[in-house]
Amino acid sequence: TTTAILFGSFFAAGVVIKPLSGAIYDRVGI
């Protein structure tokens, strides 16, 4: 159960990282 929570935290971070990285890409490139 602890492992599942840790595993979920990896993707929870992506909830912030992906839109942010996409928005930055739109402005400064790859």
PDB file of all heavy atoms in Angstrom:
ATOM      1  N   THR A   1       0.827  -1.212   0.000  1.00  0.00           N
ATOM      2  CA  THR A   1       0.000   0.000   0.000  1.00  0.00           C
ATOM      3  C   THR A   1       0.862   1.264   0.000  1.00  0.00           C
ATOM      4  O   THR A   1       0.544   2.238  -0.683  1.00  0.00           O
ATOM      5  CB  THR A   1      -0.940   0.011   1.217  1.00  0.00           C
ATOM      6  OG1 THR A   1      -0.175  -0.213   2.413  1.00  0.00           O
ATOM      7  CG2 THR A   1      -1.994  -1.069   1.093  1.00  0.00           C
ATOM      8  N   THR A   2       1.961   1.257   0.757  1.00  0.00           N
ATOM      9  CA  THR A   2       2.881   2.404   0.746  1.00  0.00           C
ATOM     10  C   THR A   2       3.514   2.559  -0.624  1.00  0.00           C
ATOM     11  O   THR A   2       3.670   3.675  -1.139  1.00  0.00           O
ATOM     12  CB  THR A   2       3.983   2.219   1.812  1.00  0.00           C
ATOM     13  OG1 THR A   2       3.385   2.008   3.085  1.00  0.00           O
ATOM     14  CG2 THR A   2       4.898   3.437   1.861  1.00  0.00           C
ATOM     15  N   THR A   3       3.884   1.435  -1.235  1.00  0.00           N
ATOM     16  CA  THR A   3       4.462   1.461  -2.578  1.00  0.00           C
ATOM     17  C   THR A   3       3.487   2.077  -3.573  1.00  0.00           C
ATOM     18  O   THR A   3       3.874   2.883  -4.430  1.00  0.00           O
ATOM     19  CB  THR A   3       4.819   0.028  -3.023  1.00  0.00           C
ATOM     20  OG1 THR A   3       5.882  -0.463  -2.201  1.00  0.00           O
ATOM     21  CG2 THR A   3       5.258  -0.004  -4.474  1.00  0.00           C
ATOM     22  N   ALA A   4       2.215   1.715  -3.469  1.00  0.00           N
ATOM     23  CA  ALA A   4       1.203   2.260  -4.379  1.00  0.00           C
ATOM     24  C   ALA A   4       1.086   3.776  -4.229  1.00  0.00           C
ATOM     25  O   ALA A   4       0.933   4.491  -5.221  1.00  0.00           O
ATOM     26  CB  ALA A   4      -0.141   1.595  -4.125  1.00  0.00           C
ATOM     27  N   ILE A   5       1.192   4.263  -3.003  1.00  0.00           N
ATOM     28  CA  ILE A   5       1.121   5.710  -2.770  1.00  0.00           C
ATOM     29  C   ILE A   5       2.344   6.408  -3.369  1.00  0.00           C
ATOM     30  O   ILE A   5       2.232   7.458  -4.017  1.00  0.00           O
ATOM     31  CB  ILE A   5       1.006   6.008  -1.262  1.00  0.00           C
ATOM     32  CG1 ILE A   5      -0.341   5.497  -0.737  1.00  0.00           C
ATOM     33  CG2 ILE A   5       1.145   7.503  -0.995  1.00  0.00           C
ATOM     34  CD1 ILE A   5      -0.458   5.539   0.778  1.00  0.00           C
ATOM     35  N   LEU A   6       3.527   5.821  -3.165  1.00  0.00           N
ATOM     36  CA  LEU A   6       4.742   6.383  -3.744  1.00  0.00           C
ATOM     37  C   LEU A   6       4.671   6.382  -5.267  1.00  0.00           C
ATOM     38  O   LEU A   6       5.079   7.346  -5.929  1.00  0.00           O
ATOM     39  CB  LEU A   6       5.965   5.598  -3.270  1.00  0.00           C
ATOM     40  CG  LEU A   6       6.353   5.764  -1.796  1.00  0.00           C
ATOM     41  CD1 LEU A   6       7.421   4.747  -1.408  1.00  0.00           C
ATOM     42  CD2 LEU A   6       6.850   7.181  -1.524  1.00  0.00           C
ATOM     43  N   PHE A   7       4.178   5.282  -5.811  1.00  0.00           N
ATOM     44  CA  PHE A   7       4.020   5.165  -7.256  1.00  0.00           C
ATOM     45  C   PHE A   7       3.069   6.246  -7.766  1.00  0.00           C
ATOM     46  O   PHE A   7       3.327   6.890  -8.786  1.00  0.00           O
ATOM     47  CB  PHE A   7       3.483   3.776  -7.576  1.00  0.00           C
ATOM     48  CG  PHE A   7       3.538   3.404  -9.036  1.00  0.00           C
ATOM     49  CD1 PHE A   7       4.695   3.546  -9.768  1.00  0.00           C
ATOM     50  CD2 PHE A   7       2.415   2.875  -9.665  1.00  0.00           C
ATOM     51  CE1 PHE A   7       4.746   3.178 -11.113  1.00  0.00           C
ATOM     52  CE2 PHE A   7       2.450   2.502 -10.997  1.00  0.00           C
ATOM     53  CZ  PHE A   7       3.624   2.654 -11.727  1.00  0.00           C
ATOM     54  N   GLY A   8       1.991   6.458  -7.039  1.00  0.00           N
ATOM     55  CA  GLY A   8       1.037   7.499  -7.420  1.00  0.00           C
ATOM     56  C   GLY A   8       1.634   8.888  -7.352  1.00  0.00           C
ATOM     57  O   GLY A   8       1.294   9.761  -8.161  1.00  0.00           O
ATOM     58  N   SER A   9       2.557   9.108  -6.404  1.00  0.00           N
ATOM     59  CA  SER A   9       3.177  10.438  -6.277  1.00  0.00           C
ATOM     60  C   SER A   9       4.000  10.796  -7.507  1.00  0.00           C
ATOM     61  O   SER A   9       4.113  11.970  -7.872  1.00  0.00           O
ATOM     62  CB  SER A   9       4.046  10.500  -5.020  1.00  0.00           C
ATOM     63  OG  SER A   9       5.232   9.734  -5.172  1.00  0.00           O
ATOM     64  N   PHE A  10       4.571   9.779  -8.150  1.00  0.00           N
ATOM     65  CA  PHE A  10       5.350  10.009  -9.372  1.00  0.00           C
ATOM     66  C   PHE A  10       4.457  10.631 -10.435  1.00  0.00           C
ATOM     67  O   PHE A  10       4.819  11.629 -11.085  1.00  0.00           O
ATOM     68  CB  PHE A  10       5.923   8.673  -9.857  1.00  0.00           C
ATOM     69  CG  PHE A  10       6.646   8.743 -11.175  1.00  0.00           C
ATOM     70  CD1 PHE A  10       7.885   9.344 -11.260  1.00  0.00           C
ATOM     71  CD2 PHE A  10       6.092   8.193 -12.321  1.00  0.00           C
ATOM     72  CE1 PHE A  10       8.565   9.410 -12.469  1.00  0.00           C
ATOM     73  CE2 PHE A  10       6.758   8.242 -13.524  1.00  0.00           C
ATOM     74  CZ  PHE A  10       8.001   8.842 -13.605  1.00  0.00           C
ATOM     75  N   PHE A  11       3.270  10.088 -10.617  1.00  0.00           N
ATOM     76  CA  PHE A  11       2.359  10.604 -11.625  1.00  0.00           C
ATOM     77  C   PHE A  11       1.666  11.877 -11.161  1.00  0.00           C
ATOM     78  O   PHE A  11       1.310  12.725 -11.984  1.00  0.00           O
ATOM     79  CB  PHE A  11       1.345   9.528 -11.994  1.00  0.00           C
ATOM     80  CG  PHE A  11       1.987   8.307 -12.582  1.00  0.00           C
ATOM     81  CD1 PHE A  11       2.055   7.128 -11.862  1.00  0.00           C
ATOM     82  CD2 PHE A  11       2.545   8.347 -13.836  1.00  0.00           C
ATOM     83  CE1 PHE A  11       2.660   6.007 -12.397  1.00  0.00           C
ATOM     84  CE2 PHE A  11       3.154   7.231 -14.386  1.00  0.00           C
ATOM     85  CZ  PHE A  11       3.213   6.051 -13.665  1.00  0.00           C
ATOM     86  N   ALA A  12       1.490  12.013  -9.848  1.00  0.00           N
ATOM     87  CA  ALA A  12       0.917  13.256  -9.325  1.00  0.00           C
ATOM     88  C   ALA A  12       1.821  14.437  -9.669  1.00  0.00           C
ATOM     89  O   ALA A  12       1.341  15.530  -9.997  1.00  0.00           O
ATOM     90  CB  ALA A  12       0.718  13.146  -7.818  1.00  0.00           C
ATOM     91  N   ALA A  13       3.123  14.210  -9.607  1.00  0.00           N
ATOM     92  CA  ALA A  13       4.062  15.267  -9.997  1.00  0.00           C
ATOM     93  C   ALA A  13       3.883  15.638 -11.463  1.00  0.00           C
ATOM     94  O   ALA A  13       4.019  16.799 -11.858  1.00  0.00           O
ATOM     95  CB  ALA A  13       5.499  14.813  -9.734  1.00  0.00           C
ATOM     96  N   GLY A  14       3.553  14.646 -12.285  1.00  0.00           N
ATOM     97  CA  GLY A  14       3.332  14.907 -13.700  1.00  0.00           C
ATOM     98  C   GLY A  14       2.145  15.805 -13.971  1.00  0.00           C
ATOM     99  O   GLY A  14       2.090  16.478 -15.008  1.00  0.00           O
ATOM    100  N   VAL A  15       1.182  15.826 -13.047  1.00  0.00           N
ATOM    101  CA  VAL A  15       0.016  16.699 -13.196  1.00  0.00           C
ATOM    102  C   VAL A  15       0.458  18.158 -13.263  1.00  0.00           C
ATOM    103  O   VAL A  15      -0.158  18.985 -13.946  1.00  0.00           O
ATOM    104  CB  VAL A  15      -0.980  16.474 -12.037  1.00  0.00           C
ATOM    105  CG1 VAL A  15      -2.125  17.469 -12.097  1.00  0.00           C
ATOM    106  CG2 VAL A  15      -1.514  15.044 -12.075  1.00  0.00           C
ATOM    107  N   VAL A  16       1.530  18.481 -12.566  1.00  0.00           N
ATOM    108  CA  VAL A  16       2.080  19.847 -12.595  1.00  0.00           C
ATOM    109  C   VAL A  16       3.100  19.993 -13.709  1.00  0.00           C
ATOM    110  O   VAL A  16       3.109  20.979 -14.458  1.00  0.00           O
ATOM    111  CB  VAL A  16       2.722  20.193 -11.237  1.00  0.00           C
ATOM    112  CG1 VAL A  16       3.367  21.569 -11.282  1.00  0.00           C
ATOM    113  CG2 VAL A  16       1.690  20.113 -10.126  1.00  0.00           C
ATOM    114  N   ILE A  17       3.963  18.993 -13.855  1.00  0.00           N
ATOM    115  CA  ILE A  17       5.099  19.090 -14.768  1.00  0.00           C
ATOM    116  C   ILE A  17       4.652  19.165 -16.232  1.00  0.00           C
ATOM    117  O   ILE A  17       5.186  19.971 -17.013  1.00  0.00           O
ATOM    118  CB  ILE A  17       6.053  17.897 -14.556  1.00  0.00           C
ATOM    119  CG1 ILE A  17       6.751  18.029 -13.207  1.00  0.00           C
ATOM    120  CG2 ILE A  17       7.082  17.801 -15.683  1.00  0.00           C
ATOM    121  CD1 ILE A  17       7.483  16.777 -12.777  1.00  0.00           C
ATOM    122  N   LYS A  18       3.676  18.367 -16.634  1.00  0.00           N
ATOM    123  CA  LYS A  18       3.319  18.303 -18.052  1.00  0.00           C
ATOM    124  C   LYS A  18       2.692  19.584 -18.590  1.00  0.00           C
ATOM    125  O   LYS A  18       3.119  20.092 -19.636  1.00  0.00           O
ATOM    126  CB  LYS A  18       2.439  17.077 -18.307  1.00  0.00           C
ATOM    127  CG  LYS A  18       3.232  15.787 -18.233  1.00  0.00           C
ATOM    128  CD  LYS A  18       2.409  14.578 -18.582  1.00  0.00           C
ATOM    129  CE  LYS A  18       3.278  13.327 -18.596  1.00  0.00           C
ATOM    130  NZ  LYS A  18       2.521  12.108 -18.918  1.00  0.00           N
ATOM    131  N   PRO A  19       1.668  20.160 -17.931  1.00  0.00           N
ATOM    132  CA  PRO A  19       1.148  21.434 -18.450  1.00  0.00           C
ATOM    133  C   PRO A  19       2.195  22.540 -18.412  1.00  0.00           C
ATOM    134  O   PRO A  19       2.275  23.359 -19.327  1.00  0.00           O
ATOM    135  CB  PRO A  19      -0.023  21.752 -17.509  1.00  0.00           C
ATOM    136  CG  PRO A  19      -0.374  20.476 -16.859  1.00  0.00           C
ATOM    137  CD  PRO A  19       0.896  19.695 -16.768  1.00  0.00           C
ATOM    138  N   LEU A  20       3.013  22.547 -17.356  1.00  0.00           N
ATOM    139  CA  LEU A  20       4.036  23.578 -17.239  1.00  0.00           C
ATOM    140  C   LEU A  20       5.072  23.437 -18.346  1.00  0.00           C
ATOM    141  O   LEU A  20       5.445  24.425 -19.001  1.00  0.00           O
ATOM    142  CB  LEU A  20       4.706  23.489 -15.864  1.00  0.00           C
ATOM    143  CG  LEU A  20       5.777  24.533 -15.558  1.00  0.00           C
ATOM    144  CD1 LEU A  20       5.183  25.939 -15.624  1.00  0.00           C
ATOM    145  CD2 LEU A  20       6.395  24.286 -14.190  1.00  0.00           C
ATOM    146  N   SER A  21       5.539  22.219 -18.580  1.00  0.00           N
ATOM    147  CA  SER A  21       6.535  22.005 -19.626  1.00  0.00           C
ATOM    148  C   SER A  21       5.949  22.311 -21.003  1.00  0.00           C
ATOM    149  O   SER A  21       6.631  22.869 -21.870  1.00  0.00           O
ATOM    150  CB  SER A  21       7.077  20.576 -19.573  1.00  0.00           C
ATOM    151  OG  SER A  21       6.051  19.631 -19.775  1.00  0.00           O
ATOM    152  N   GLY A  22       4.655  21.957 -21.213  1.00  0.00           N
ATOM    153  CA  GLY A  22       4.017  22.274 -22.485  1.00  0.00           C
ATOM    154  C   GLY A  22       3.894  23.768 -22.713  1.00  0.00           C
ATOM    155  O   GLY A  22       4.133  24.262 -23.820  1.00  0.00           O
ATOM    156  N   ALA A  23       3.529  24.497 -21.661  1.00  0.00           N
ATOM    157  CA  ALA A  23       3.398  25.958 -21.778  1.00  0.00           C
ATOM    158  C   ALA A  23       4.760  26.608 -22.048  1.00  0.00           C
ATOM    159  O   ALA A  23       4.865  27.541 -22.862  1.00  0.00           O
ATOM    160  CB  ALA A  23       2.779  26.524 -20.505  1.00  0.00           C
ATOM    161  N   ILE A  24       5.798  26.116 -21.375  1.00  0.00           N
ATOM    162  CA  ILE A  24       7.146  26.658 -21.601  1.00  0.00           C
ATOM    163  C   ILE A  24       7.605  26.349 -23.025  1.00  0.00           C
ATOM    164  O   ILE A  24       8.202  27.188 -23.705  1.00  0.00           O
ATOM    165  CB  ILE A  24       8.136  26.089 -20.564  1.00  0.00           C
ATOM    166  CG1 ILE A  24       7.753  26.565 -19.163  1.00  0.00           C
ATOM    167  CG2 ILE A  24       9.568  26.503 -20.897  1.00  0.00           C
ATOM    168  CD1 ILE A  24       8.553  25.922 -18.051  1.00  0.00           C
ATOM    169  N   TYR A  25       7.295  25.125 -23.487  1.00  0.00           N
ATOM    170  CA  TYR A  25       7.651  24.756 -24.859  1.00  0.00           C
ATOM    171  C   TYR A  25       7.014  25.696 -25.871  1.00  0.00           C
ATOM    172  O   TYR A  25       7.648  26.106 -26.857  1.00  0.00           O
ATOM    173  CB  TYR A  25       7.213  23.312 -25.134  1.00  0.00           C
ATOM    174  CG  TYR A  25       7.126  22.990 -26.609  1.00  0.00           C
ATOM    175  CD1 TYR A  25       8.272  22.725 -27.348  1.00  0.00           C
ATOM    176  CD2 TYR A  25       5.888  22.971 -27.259  1.00  0.00           C
ATOM    177  CE1 TYR A  25       8.190  22.459 -28.705  1.00  0.00           C
ATOM    178  CE2 TYR A  25       5.798  22.699 -28.609  1.00  0.00           C
ATOM    179  CZ  TYR A  25       6.958  22.439 -29.332  1.00  0.00           C
ATOM    180  OH  TYR A  25       6.878  22.183 -30.667  1.00  0.00           O
ATOM    181  N   ASP A  26       5.736  26.059 -25.656  1.00  0.00           N
ATOM    182  CA  ASP A  26       5.048  26.971 -26.567  1.00  0.00           C
ATOM    183  C   ASP A  26       5.775  28.307 -26.667  1.00  0.00           C
ATOM    184  O   ASP A  26       5.671  29.002 -27.690  1.00  0.00           O
ATOM    185  CB  ASP A  26       3.609  27.215 -26.101  1.00  0.00           C
ATOM    186  CG  ASP A  26       2.689  26.041 -26.428  1.00  0.00           C
ATOM    187  OD1 ASP A  26       3.006  25.268 -27.351  1.00  0.00           O
ATOM    188  OD2 ASP A  26       1.646  25.901 -25.743  1.00  0.00           O
ATOM    189  N   ARG A  27       6.527  28.652 -25.624  1.00  0.00           N
ATOM    190  CA  ARG A  27       7.167  29.963 -25.576  1.00  0.00           C
ATOM    191  C   ARG A  27       8.654  29.942 -25.952  1.00  0.00           C
ATOM    192  O   ARG A  27       9.130  30.856 -26.622  1.00  0.00           O
ATOM    193  CB  ARG A  27       6.997  30.578 -24.178  1.00  0.00           C
ATOM    194  CG  ARG A  27       5.567  31.025 -23.913  1.00  0.00           C
ATOM    195  CD  ARG A  27       5.290  31.247 -22.433  1.00  0.00           C
ATOM    196  NE  ARG A  27       3.949  31.802 -22.216  1.00  0.00           N
ATOM    197  CZ  ARG A  27       2.835  31.093 -22.255  1.00  0.00           C
ATOM    198  NH1 ARG A  27       2.878  29.793 -22.500  1.00  0.00           N
ATOM    199  NH2 ARG A  27       1.658  31.675 -22.063  1.00  0.00           N
ATOM    200  N   VAL A  28       9.382  28.920 -25.533  1.00  0.00           N
ATOM    201  CA  VAL A  28      10.841  28.951 -25.748  1.00  0.00           C
ATOM    202  C   VAL A  28      11.365  27.806 -26.597  1.00  0.00           C
ATOM    203  O   VAL A  28      12.553  27.762 -26.902  1.00  0.00           O
ATOM    204  CB  VAL A  28      11.596  28.988 -24.392  1.00  0.00           C
ATOM    205  CG1 VAL A  28      11.133  30.150 -23.545  1.00  0.00           C
ATOM    206  CG2 VAL A  28      11.444  27.667 -23.639  1.00  0.00           C
ATOM    207  N   GLY A  29      10.511  26.842 -26.969  1.00  0.00           N
ATOM    208  CA  GLY A  29      10.963  25.769 -27.842  1.00  0.00           C
ATOM    209  C   GLY A  29      11.439  24.537 -27.094  1.00  0.00           C
ATOM    210  O   GLY A  29      11.492  24.493 -25.862  1.00  0.00           O
ATOM    211  N   ILE A  30      11.817  23.534 -27.870  1.00  0.00           N
ATOM    212  CA  ILE A  30      12.088  22.208 -27.316  1.00  0.00           C
ATOM    213  C   ILE A  30      13.428  22.109 -26.602  1.00  0.00           C
ATOM    214  O   ILE A  30      13.542  21.497 -25.542  1.00  0.00           O
ATOM    215  CB  ILE A  30      11.997  21.144 -28.445  1.00  0.00           C
ATOM    216  CG1 ILE A  30      12.179  19.734 -27.878  1.00  0.00           C
ATOM    217  CG2 ILE A  30      12.970  21.427 -29.580  1.00  0.00           C
ATOM    218  CD1 ILE A  30      11.863  18.632 -28.877  1.00  0.00           C
TER     219      ILE A  30
END
